[in-house]
């Protein structure tokens, strides 16, 4: 295991068959990407994202290579000065809802230690995702001090199924101070 990976949901002394739910956390999925030196600053778009009263969901869409992730990353860098920012780069392996939520909750916890902590423990304990884990996370979002940004880069890559449905449910339940 490299320094950029961690096992979530596993007691270090437990044998593999004693672990109920664990996922290998890939740290690079939890960090917004570095801005390329040649990036184009989109001041008008960044100013639209800088307003206090953001809607609960923001979708950045465009063709491949148009700079969606770069724009989101730049926005997160600016917002991190006054907001909690949890970033997750989604890939094809995140179709597994436990893996997806282990990463999302670990990213939230790293951005603010109390955010997602109890939900992550519930996920690790095998609690039902929609009925227990998701409501615990939404509660944490609603209790957070100040603005919380939950950024799911490449969310369109999630195929139909439980993982995508759980993200739709999260989007529908986002409290006012979370986007």
Foldseek 3Di string as FASTA:
>chain_A
DDPQKDKALDDPPDDPVVFDDIDIAGNVQWAQDDADPPDDDDVVVLVVVPDQQDDLDDDDDDDPPPCSSNNVNVSCVVCLVFEQETGGEDDLVCLPQLNVVLHRLVSSCVSPVVQQPVLSNCSSVVHDCQPPSLVVNQVSQVPDDAAYERYYHPLVNHDDDDNNVSVVVSSVSHDRRYD
